[in-house]
Amino acid sequence: MLIAMGAADTLSPYIEFKDVSKAFGDLVVLKDVSFEVLPGEMVCILGRSGVGKSVALRNIMGFLKPDSGRVIVASQDITDYNEVQLEEIRKKVTMVFQNGALFDSLTVGENVAFPLREKNELSEEQIYQVVDGLLEMVGVKEMRDLLPSDLSTGMKRSVAIARALAAQPECVLYDEPTTMVDPLMGNLLGDLIARLKLQLHLTSVVVTHDMRLAKKLADRVVFLHEARAIFFGPYKEMEKSTEPIVQEFLELDELKLEA
């Protein structure tokens, strides 16, 4: 197993997995997984489908609890937090779900306005200004009055990102942001996620099986295989890994590029 650490490890981690294990019945999904995400860093979690990538995100959000190990989020040990305590964490950390999780009966603008209205801190005029600004930032301002059913999968993801940003989080988790979208839209979403990290200094975790996306975005990469983290470190170091499954991923990506 190759573990490579960056020079910024003197910073206190914003997110940390300490020997986290999780099983569903006899199916072990995570086994003694350890990694960290520093403030302002973007970490990509890579691996085949079903290896526990999304389960890791749900542990960070507190939707699932580990069977053993500790989960640190927003520099707090949330492992034993109750729902009330987790709600405070979720004000700082938000998640962009693979399906977008938009409210079908609300327009695009109303979806993005929802977290702002829940806070009850802004006037309606201020909310409209913030919504327009966020929709413009993610490139879908002209779709403000449409319903989610009118949008493509990629556009729904863009709106979901805008809604996540409306909550003014410190950290955003992305669950397979480019899956089931065409290559052009996938590229645009990758550019958007990279730009938001730079502009807003967001701490970010991206779950993906898309190596090109990881190469574009990741400060560091966690590679999960058979429930374990077989690599944690910079993307360039991962390219030197002798793990067969890592090399298989890299070779498949080269084949796609040639195609």
C-alpha atoms as a PDB file:
ATOM      1  CA  MET A   1       0.000   0.000   0.000  1.00  0.00           C
ATOM      2  CA  LEU A   2       1.330   3.424  -0.979  1.00  0.00           C
ATOM      3  CA  ILE A   3       0.463   6.344   1.294  1.00  0.00           C
ATOM      4  CA  ALA A   4       1.801   9.753   0.294  1.00  0.00           C
ATOM      5  CA  MET A   5       1.309  12.871   2.380  1.00  0.00           C
ATOM      6  CA  GLY A   6       1.442  16.489   1.248  1.00  0.00           C
ATOM      7  CA  ALA A   7       3.565  19.229   2.749  1.00  0.00           C
ATOM      8  CA  ALA A   8       0.498  20.972   4.206  1.00  0.00           C
ATOM      9  CA  ASP A   9      -0.031  18.316   6.856  1.00  0.00           C
ATOM     10  CA  THR A  10       0.805  20.782   9.626  1.00  0.00           C
ATOM     11  CA  LEU A  11      -2.724  22.208   9.202  1.00  0.00           C
ATOM     12  CA  SER A  12      -5.460  20.776  11.411  1.00  0.00           C
ATOM     13  CA  PRO A  13      -7.765  18.590   9.239  1.00  0.00           C
ATOM     14  CA  TYR A  14     -11.285  19.835   8.539  1.00  0.00           C
ATOM     15  CA  ILE A  15     -12.446  16.241   7.919  1.00  0.00           C
ATOM     16  CA  GLU A  16     -10.747  13.122   9.182  1.00  0.00           C
ATOM     17  CA  PHE A  17     -11.517   9.418   8.991  1.00  0.00           C
ATOM     18  CA  LYS A  18      -9.684   7.470  11.701  1.00  0.00           C
ATOM     19  CA  ASP A  19      -9.761   3.695  11.064  1.00  0.00           C
ATOM     20  CA  VAL A  20     -13.424   3.830   9.990  1.00  0.00           C
ATOM     21  CA  SER A  21     -15.225   0.545   9.372  1.00  0.00           C
ATOM     22  CA  LYS A  22     -18.804   0.054   8.162  1.00  0.00           C
ATOM     23  CA  ALA A  23     -20.726  -3.095   7.254  1.00  0.00           C
ATOM     24  CA  PHE A  24     -24.282  -3.861   6.224  1.00  0.00           C
ATOM     25  CA  GLY A  25     -24.919  -7.345   7.529  1.00  0.00           C
ATOM     26  CA  ASP A  26     -22.163  -9.563   6.118  1.00  0.00           C
ATOM     27  CA  LEU A  27     -21.164  -6.998   3.497  1.00  0.00           C
ATOM     28  CA  VAL A  28     -18.114  -5.042   4.689  1.00  0.00           C
ATOM     29  CA  VAL A  29     -18.090  -1.716   2.829  1.00  0.00           C
ATOM     30  CA  LEU A  30     -15.324   0.158   4.670  1.00  0.00           C
ATOM     31  CA  LYS A  31     -12.534  -1.519   6.637  1.00  0.00           C
ATOM     32  CA  ASP A  32     -10.138   0.564   8.754  1.00  0.00           C
ATOM     33  CA  VAL A  33     -10.242   3.473   6.291  1.00  0.00           C
ATOM     34  CA  SER A  34      -8.177   6.530   7.224  1.00  0.00           C
ATOM     35  CA  PHE A  35      -7.749   9.817   5.355  1.00  0.00           C
ATOM     36  CA  GLU A  36      -8.037  13.541   5.987  1.00  0.00           C
ATOM     37  CA  VAL A  37      -9.167  16.704   4.212  1.00  0.00           C
ATOM     38  CA  LEU A  38      -7.434  19.948   5.098  1.00  0.00           C
ATOM     39  CA  PRO A  39      -9.245  23.330   5.155  1.00  0.00           C
ATOM     40  CA  GLY A  40      -9.639  24.581   1.577  1.00  0.00           C
ATOM     41  CA  GLU A  41      -8.425  21.266   0.121  1.00  0.00           C
ATOM     42  CA  MET A  42     -10.235  19.155  -2.461  1.00  0.00           C
ATOM     43  CA  VAL A  43     -10.001  15.389  -1.971  1.00  0.00           C
ATOM     44  CA  CYS A  44     -11.399  12.925  -4.518  1.00  0.00           C
ATOM     45  CA  ILE A  45     -12.549   9.465  -3.426  1.00  0.00           C
ATOM     46  CA  LEU A  46     -11.974   7.024  -6.280  1.00  0.00           C
ATOM     47  CA  GLY A  47     -12.814   3.385  -6.845  1.00  0.00           C
ATOM     48  CA  ARG A  48     -15.189   0.978  -8.540  1.00  0.00           C
ATOM     49  CA  SER A  49     -18.947   1.102  -7.998  1.00  0.00           C
ATOM     50  CA  GLY A  50     -20.003  -0.393  -4.686  1.00  0.00           C
ATOM     51  CA  VAL A  51     -16.675   0.082  -2.866  1.00  0.00           C
ATOM     52  CA  GLY A  52     -18.035   2.460  -0.235  1.00  0.00           C
ATOM     53  CA  LYS A  53     -17.364   5.862  -1.811  1.00  0.00           C
ATOM     54  CA  SER A  54     -20.869   7.229  -1.212  1.00  0.00           C
ATOM     55  CA  VAL A  55     -21.016   5.478   2.169  1.00  0.00           C
ATOM     56  CA  ALA A  56     -17.974   7.546   3.164  1.00  0.00           C
ATOM     57  CA  LEU A  57     -19.880  10.743   2.274  1.00  0.00           C
ATOM     58  CA  ARG A  58     -22.884   9.647   4.306  1.00  0.00           C
ATOM     59  CA  ASN A  59     -20.633   9.082   7.302  1.00  0.00           C
ATOM     60  CA  ILE A  60     -19.284  12.617   6.911  1.00  0.00           C
ATOM     61  CA  MET A  61     -22.865  13.977   6.897  1.00  0.00           C
ATOM     62  CA  GLY A  62     -23.854  11.808   9.867  1.00  0.00           C
ATOM     63  CA  PHE A  63     -26.552  10.011   7.846  1.00  0.00           C
ATOM     64  CA  LEU A  64     -24.657   6.808   8.710  1.00  0.00           C
ATOM     65  CA  LYS A  65     -22.501   6.026  11.722  1.00  0.00           C
ATOM     66  CA  PRO A  66     -19.346   3.899  11.607  1.00  0.00           C
ATOM     67  CA  ASP A  67     -19.283   0.494  13.281  1.00  0.00           C
ATOM     68  CA  SER A  68     -15.817   1.403  14.571  1.00  0.00           C
ATOM     69  CA  GLY A  69     -13.347   4.248  14.184  1.00  0.00           C
ATOM     70  CA  ARG A  70     -13.894   7.988  14.494  1.00  0.00           C
ATOM     71  CA  VAL A  71     -15.236  10.608  12.076  1.00  0.00           C
ATOM     72  CA  ILE A  72     -14.080  14.215  12.491  1.00  0.00           C
ATOM     73  CA  VAL A  73     -16.045  16.911  10.617  1.00  0.00           C
ATOM     74  CA  ALA A  74     -15.603  20.691  10.909  1.00  0.00           C
ATOM     75  CA  SER A  75     -12.792  19.784  13.331  1.00  0.00           C
ATOM     76  CA  GLN A  76     -15.323  18.115  15.676  1.00  0.00           C
ATOM     77  CA  ASP A  77     -15.636  14.421  16.499  1.00  0.00           C
ATOM     78  CA  ILE A  78     -19.199  13.746  15.279  1.00  0.00           C
ATOM     79  CA  THR A  79     -19.100   9.957  15.725  1.00  0.00           C
ATOM     80  CA  ASP A  80     -21.479   9.959  18.678  1.00  0.00           C
ATOM     81  CA  TYR A  81     -23.399  13.159  17.847  1.00  0.00           C
ATOM     82  CA  ASN A  82     -27.185  13.112  18.063  1.00  0.00           C
ATOM     83  CA  GLU A  83     -29.434  14.557  15.336  1.00  0.00           C
ATOM     84  CA  VAL A  84     -29.624  18.018  16.952  1.00  0.00           C
ATOM     85  CA  GLN A  85     -25.830  18.260  17.095  1.00  0.00           C
ATOM     86  CA  LEU A  86     -25.540  16.974  13.517  1.00  0.00           C
ATOM     87  CA  GLU A  87     -27.911  19.686  12.278  1.00  0.00           C
ATOM     88  CA  GLU A  88     -25.370  22.263  13.452  1.00  0.00           C
ATOM     89  CA  ILE A  89     -22.636  20.463  11.500  1.00  0.00           C
ATOM     90  CA  ARG A  90     -24.862  20.345   8.395  1.00  0.00           C
ATOM     91  CA  LYS A  91     -25.048  24.142   8.440  1.00  0.00           C
ATOM     92  CA  LYS A  92     -21.326  24.091   7.674  1.00  0.00           C
ATOM     93  CA  VAL A  93     -21.156  21.005   5.447  1.00  0.00           C
ATOM     94  CA  THR A  94     -23.608  20.364   2.623  1.00  0.00           C
ATOM     95  CA  MET A  95     -23.944  17.630   0.026  1.00  0.00           C
ATOM     96  CA  VAL A  96     -24.766  17.669  -3.685  1.00  0.00           C
ATOM     97  CA  PHE A  97     -26.535  14.357  -4.276  1.00  0.00           C
ATOM     98  CA  GLN A  98     -26.130  12.355  -7.471  1.00  0.00           C
ATOM     99  CA  ASN A  99     -29.827  12.786  -8.366  1.00  0.00           C
ATOM    100  CA  GLY A 100     -29.766  16.489  -7.467  1.00  0.00           C
ATOM    101  CA  ALA A 101     -32.481  15.976  -4.803  1.00  0.00           C
ATOM    102  CA  LEU A 102     -34.380  19.037  -6.053  1.00  0.00           C
ATOM    103  CA  PHE A 103     -37.980  19.712  -5.060  1.00  0.00           C
ATOM    104  CA  ASP A 104     -40.023  18.757  -8.130  1.00  0.00           C
ATOM    105  CA  SER A 105     -42.876  21.181  -7.380  1.00  0.00           C
ATOM    106  CA  LEU A 106     -40.603  24.221  -6.991  1.00  0.00           C
ATOM    107  CA  THR A 107     -39.008  26.205  -9.789  1.00  0.00           C
ATOM    108  CA  VAL A 108     -35.237  26.369 -10.161  1.00  0.00           C
ATOM    109  CA  GLY A 109     -35.207  29.767  -8.438  1.00  0.00           C
ATOM    110  CA  GLU A 110     -37.426  28.572  -5.594  1.00  0.00           C
ATOM    111  CA  ASN A 111     -35.200  25.524  -5.081  1.00  0.00           C
ATOM    112  CA  VAL A 112     -32.131  27.725  -4.679  1.00  0.00           C
ATOM    113  CA  ALA A 113     -34.062  30.165  -2.465  1.00  0.00           C
ATOM    114  CA  PHE A 114     -35.221  27.387  -0.119  1.00  0.00           C
ATOM    115  CA  PRO A 115     -32.199  27.366   2.257  1.00  0.00           C
ATOM    116  CA  LEU A 116     -32.204  31.176   2.299  1.00  0.00           C
ATOM    117  CA  ARG A 117     -35.868  31.280   3.321  1.00  0.00           C
ATOM    118  CA  GLU A 118     -35.248  28.666   6.012  1.00  0.00           C
ATOM    119  CA  LYS A 119     -32.653  30.935   7.609  1.00  0.00           C
ATOM    120  CA  ASN A 120     -35.166  33.806   7.603  1.00  0.00           C
ATOM    121  CA  GLU A 121     -32.395  36.424   7.608  1.00  0.00           C
ATOM    122  CA  LEU A 122     -32.977  38.163   4.262  1.00  0.00           C
ATOM    123  CA  SER A 123     -35.821  40.102   2.653  1.00  0.00           C
ATOM    124  CA  GLU A 124     -37.455  38.639  -0.456  1.00  0.00           C
ATOM    125  CA  GLU A 125     -35.681  41.218  -2.594  1.00  0.00           C
ATOM    126  CA  GLN A 126     -32.309  40.209  -1.118  1.00  0.00           C
ATOM    127  CA  ILE A 127     -33.142  36.526  -1.644  1.00  0.00           C
ATOM    128  CA  TYR A 128     -33.925  37.166  -5.324  1.00  0.00           C
ATOM    129  CA  GLN A 129     -30.581  38.958  -5.731  1.00  0.00           C
ATOM    130  CA  VAL A 130     -28.647  36.104  -4.106  1.00  0.00           C
ATOM    131  CA  VAL A 131     -30.521  33.484  -6.164  1.00  0.00           C
ATOM    132  CA  ASP A 132     -29.815  35.304  -9.432  1.00  0.00           C
ATOM    133  CA  GLY A 133     -26.152  35.662  -8.485  1.00  0.00           C
ATOM    134  CA  LEU A 134     -25.803  31.962  -7.672  1.00  0.00           C
ATOM    135  CA  LEU A 135     -27.633  30.819 -10.814  1.00  0.00           C
ATOM    136  CA  GLU A 136     -25.403  33.091 -12.889  1.00  0.00           C
ATOM    137  CA  MET A 137     -22.322  31.685 -11.134  1.00  0.00           C
ATOM    138  CA  VAL A 138     -23.249  28.113 -12.135  1.00  0.00           C
ATOM    139  CA  GLY A 139     -24.386  29.120 -15.621  1.00  0.00           C
ATOM    140  CA  VAL A 140     -28.158  28.510 -15.467  1.00  0.00           C
ATOM    141  CA  LYS A 141     -29.621  31.953 -14.704  1.00  0.00           C
ATOM    142  CA  GLU A 142     -31.956  31.817 -17.717  1.00  0.00           C
ATOM    143  CA  MET A 143     -33.593  28.680 -16.248  1.00  0.00           C
ATOM    144  CA  ARG A 144     -34.760  30.328 -13.014  1.00  0.00           C
ATOM    145  CA  ASP A 145     -38.481  29.914 -13.734  1.00  0.00           C
ATOM    146  CA  LEU A 146     -38.326  26.348 -15.070  1.00  0.00           C
ATOM    147  CA  LEU A 147     -39.210  23.212 -13.114  1.00  0.00           C
ATOM    148  CA  PRO A 148     -36.596  20.486 -12.480  1.00  0.00           C
ATOM    149  CA  SER A 149     -38.506  18.207 -14.883  1.00  0.00           C
ATOM    150  CA  ASP A 150     -37.625  20.663 -17.677  1.00  0.00           C
ATOM    151  CA  LEU A 151     -33.886  20.276 -17.080  1.00  0.00           C
ATOM    152  CA  SER A 152     -31.256  17.814 -18.250  1.00  0.00           C
ATOM    153  CA  THR A 153     -29.362  15.755 -15.662  1.00  0.00           C
ATOM    154  CA  GLY A 154     -26.343  18.042 -15.937  1.00  0.00           C
ATOM    155  CA  MET A 155     -28.409  21.198 -15.486  1.00  0.00           C
ATOM    156  CA  LYS A 156     -30.084  19.674 -12.418  1.00  0.00           C
ATOM    157  CA  ARG A 157     -26.626  19.112 -10.944  1.00  0.00           C
ATOM    158  CA  SER A 158     -25.725  22.759 -11.594  1.00  0.00           C
ATOM    159  CA  VAL A 159     -28.904  23.905  -9.822  1.00  0.00           C
ATOM    160  CA  ALA A 160     -28.196  21.504  -6.931  1.00  0.00           C
ATOM    161  CA  ILE A 161     -24.730  23.076  -6.586  1.00  0.00           C
ATOM    162  CA  ALA A 162     -26.279  26.565  -6.547  1.00  0.00           C
ATOM    163  CA  ARG A 163     -28.736  25.460  -3.839  1.00  0.00           C
ATOM    164  CA  ALA A 164     -25.878  23.970  -1.791  1.00  0.00           C
ATOM    165  CA  LEU A 165     -23.961  27.245  -2.042  1.00  0.00           C
ATOM    166  CA  ALA A 166     -27.008  29.238  -0.906  1.00  0.00           C
ATOM    167  CA  ALA A 167     -26.524  27.710   2.546  1.00  0.00           C
ATOM    168  CA  GLN A 168     -23.069  29.410   2.665  1.00  0.00           C
ATOM    169  CA  PRO A 169     -21.241  26.221   3.653  1.00  0.00           C
ATOM    170  CA  GLU A 170     -17.593  25.825   4.590  1.00  0.00           C
ATOM    171  CA  CYS A 171     -17.467  22.442   2.866  1.00  0.00           C
ATOM    172  CA  VAL A 172     -19.299  20.817  -0.056  1.00  0.00           C
ATOM    173  CA  LEU A 173     -19.516  17.074  -0.732  1.00  0.00           C
ATOM    174  CA  TYR A 174     -20.183  15.992  -4.337  1.00  0.00           C
ATOM    175  CA  ASP A 175     -21.548  12.499  -5.037  1.00  0.00           C
ATOM    176  CA  GLU A 176     -20.586  11.392  -8.587  1.00  0.00           C
ATOM    177  CA  PRO A 177     -21.131  14.852 -10.142  1.00  0.00           C
ATOM    178  CA  THR A 178     -20.363  13.757 -13.719  1.00  0.00           C
ATOM    179  CA  THR A 179     -22.105  10.384 -13.846  1.00  0.00           C
ATOM    180  CA  MET A 180     -24.900  10.026 -16.459  1.00  0.00           C
ATOM    181  CA  VAL A 181     -24.034  13.302 -18.203  1.00  0.00           C
ATOM    182  CA  ASP A 182     -22.466  13.774 -21.630  1.00  0.00           C
ATOM    183  CA  PRO A 183     -18.697  14.462 -21.814  1.00  0.00           C
ATOM    184  CA  LEU A 184     -19.171  18.171 -22.579  1.00  0.00           C
ATOM    185  CA  MET A 185     -21.477  18.697 -19.588  1.00  0.00           C
ATOM    186  CA  GLY A 186     -19.138  16.613 -17.430  1.00  0.00           C
ATOM    187  CA  ASN A 187     -16.263  18.889 -18.403  1.00  0.00           C
ATOM    188  CA  LEU A 188     -18.326  21.999 -17.615  1.00  0.00           C
ATOM    189  CA  LEU A 189     -19.323  20.625 -14.194  1.00  0.00           C
ATOM    190  CA  GLY A 190     -15.689  19.813 -13.440  1.00  0.00           C
ATOM    191  CA  ASP A 191     -14.650  23.357 -14.390  1.00  0.00           C
ATOM    192  CA  LEU A 192     -17.451  24.760 -12.208  1.00  0.00           C
ATOM    193  CA  ILE A 193     -16.433  22.718  -9.149  1.00  0.00           C
ATOM    194  CA  ALA A 194     -12.785  23.768  -9.592  1.00  0.00           C
ATOM    195  CA  ARG A 195     -13.748  27.439  -9.969  1.00  0.00           C
ATOM    196  CA  LEU A 196     -15.981  27.417  -6.883  1.00  0.00           C
ATOM    197  CA  LYS A 197     -13.198  25.942  -4.794  1.00  0.00           C
ATOM    198  CA  LEU A 198     -10.815  28.702  -5.865  1.00  0.00           C
ATOM    199  CA  GLN A 199     -13.304  31.578  -5.623  1.00  0.00           C
ATOM    200  CA  LEU A 200     -14.964  30.584  -2.356  1.00  0.00           C
ATOM    201  CA  HIS A 201     -12.035  28.730  -0.703  1.00  0.00           C
ATOM    202  CA  LEU A 202     -14.327  25.775  -0.054  1.00  0.00           C
ATOM    203  CA  THR A 203     -13.197  22.523   1.479  1.00  0.00           C
ATOM    204  CA  SER A 204     -14.458  19.848  -0.914  1.00  0.00           C
ATOM    205  CA  VAL A 205     -14.824  16.077  -1.195  1.00  0.00           C
ATOM    206  CA  VAL A 206     -15.695  14.592  -4.589  1.00  0.00           C
ATOM    207  CA  VAL A 207     -16.771  10.970  -4.971  1.00  0.00           C
ATOM    208  CA  THR A 208     -16.150   9.802  -8.531  1.00  0.00           C
ATOM    209  CA  HIS A 209     -14.973   6.957 -10.747  1.00  0.00           C
ATOM    210  CA  ASP A 210     -13.958   9.524 -13.402  1.00  0.00           C
ATOM    211  CA  MET A 211     -10.139   9.660 -13.461  1.00  0.00           C
ATOM    212  CA  ARG A 212     -10.032  12.745 -15.670  1.00  0.00           C
ATOM    213  CA  LEU A 213     -12.241  14.609 -13.215  1.00  0.00           C
ATOM    214  CA  ALA A 214     -10.006  13.534 -10.332  1.00  0.00           C
ATOM    215  CA  LYS A 215      -6.902  14.640 -12.232  1.00  0.00           C
ATOM    216  CA  LYS A 216      -8.484  18.046 -12.854  1.00  0.00           C
ATOM    217  CA  LEU A 217      -9.775  18.618  -9.324  1.00  0.00           C
ATOM    218  CA  ALA A 218      -7.900  16.664  -6.684  1.00  0.00           C
ATOM    219  CA  ASP A 219      -5.292  18.048  -4.334  1.00  0.00           C
ATOM    220  CA  ARG A 220      -5.188  14.509  -2.964  1.00  0.00           C
ATOM    221  CA  VAL A 221      -6.894  11.218  -3.799  1.00  0.00           C
ATOM    222  CA  VAL A 222      -8.283   8.368  -1.689  1.00  0.00           C
ATOM    223  CA  PHE A 223      -8.500   5.132  -3.707  1.00  0.00           C
ATOM    224  CA  LEU A 224     -10.857   2.548  -2.217  1.00  0.00           C
ATOM    225  CA  HIS A 225     -10.644  -1.129  -3.166  1.00  0.00           C
ATOM    226  CA  GLU A 226     -12.221  -4.117  -1.426  1.00  0.00           C
ATOM    227  CA  ALA A 227     -13.329  -1.889   1.484  1.00  0.00           C
ATOM    228  CA  ARG A 228      -9.841  -0.510   2.156  1.00  0.00           C
ATOM    229  CA  ALA A 229      -8.021   2.702   1.258  1.00  0.00           C
ATOM    230  CA  ILE A 230      -5.128   1.335  -0.796  1.00  0.00           C
ATOM    231  CA  PHE A 231      -3.806   4.811  -1.664  1.00  0.00           C
ATOM    232  CA  PHE A 232      -4.012   8.286  -0.152  1.00  0.00           C
ATOM    233  CA  GLY A 233      -1.948  11.123  -1.559  1.00  0.00           C
ATOM    234  CA  PRO A 234      -1.480  13.466  -4.560  1.00  0.00           C
ATOM    235  CA  TYR A 235      -2.750  12.353  -7.984  1.00  0.00           C
ATOM    236  CA  LYS A 236       0.769  12.388  -9.466  1.00  0.00           C
ATOM    237  CA  GLU A 237       1.915   9.994  -6.728  1.00  0.00           C
ATOM    238  CA  MET A 238      -1.048   7.722  -7.484  1.00  0.00           C
ATOM    239  CA  GLU A 239       0.157   7.452 -11.085  1.00  0.00           C
ATOM    240  CA  LYS A 240       3.299   5.758  -9.694  1.00  0.00           C
ATOM    241  CA  SER A 241       1.326   3.261  -7.590  1.00  0.00           C
ATOM    242  CA  THR A 242       2.099  -0.400  -8.230  1.00  0.00           C
ATOM    243  CA  GLU A 243      -1.387  -1.489  -7.075  1.00  0.00           C
ATOM    244  CA  PRO A 244      -2.895  -3.462 -10.037  1.00  0.00           C
ATOM    245  CA  ILE A 245      -6.403  -1.977  -9.628  1.00  0.00           C
ATOM    246  CA  VAL A 246      -5.001   1.585  -9.647  1.00  0.00           C
ATOM    247  CA  GLN A 247      -3.019   0.879 -12.801  1.00  0.00           C
ATOM    248  CA  GLU A 248      -6.124  -0.688 -14.369  1.00  0.00           C
ATOM    249  CA  PHE A 249      -8.082   2.536 -13.733  1.00  0.00           C
ATOM    250  CA  LEU A 250      -5.279   4.646 -15.200  1.00  0.00           C
ATOM    251  CA  GLU A 251      -4.980   2.424 -18.299  1.00  0.00           C
ATOM    252  CA  LEU A 252      -8.732   2.458 -18.907  1.00  0.00           C
ATOM    253  CA  ASP A 253      -8.686   6.237 -18.744  1.00  0.00           C
ATOM    254  CA  GLU A 254      -5.899   6.363 -21.345  1.00  0.00           C
ATOM    255  CA  LEU A 255      -7.990   4.122 -23.619  1.00  0.00           C
ATOM    256  CA  LYS A 256     -10.963   6.492 -23.288  1.00  0.00           C
ATOM    257  CA  LEU A 257      -8.773   9.448 -24.194  1.00  0.00           C
ATOM    258  CA  GLU A 258      -7.485   7.649 -27.285  1.00  0.00           C
ATOM    259  CA  ALA A 259     -11.046   6.784 -28.310  1.00  0.00           C
END
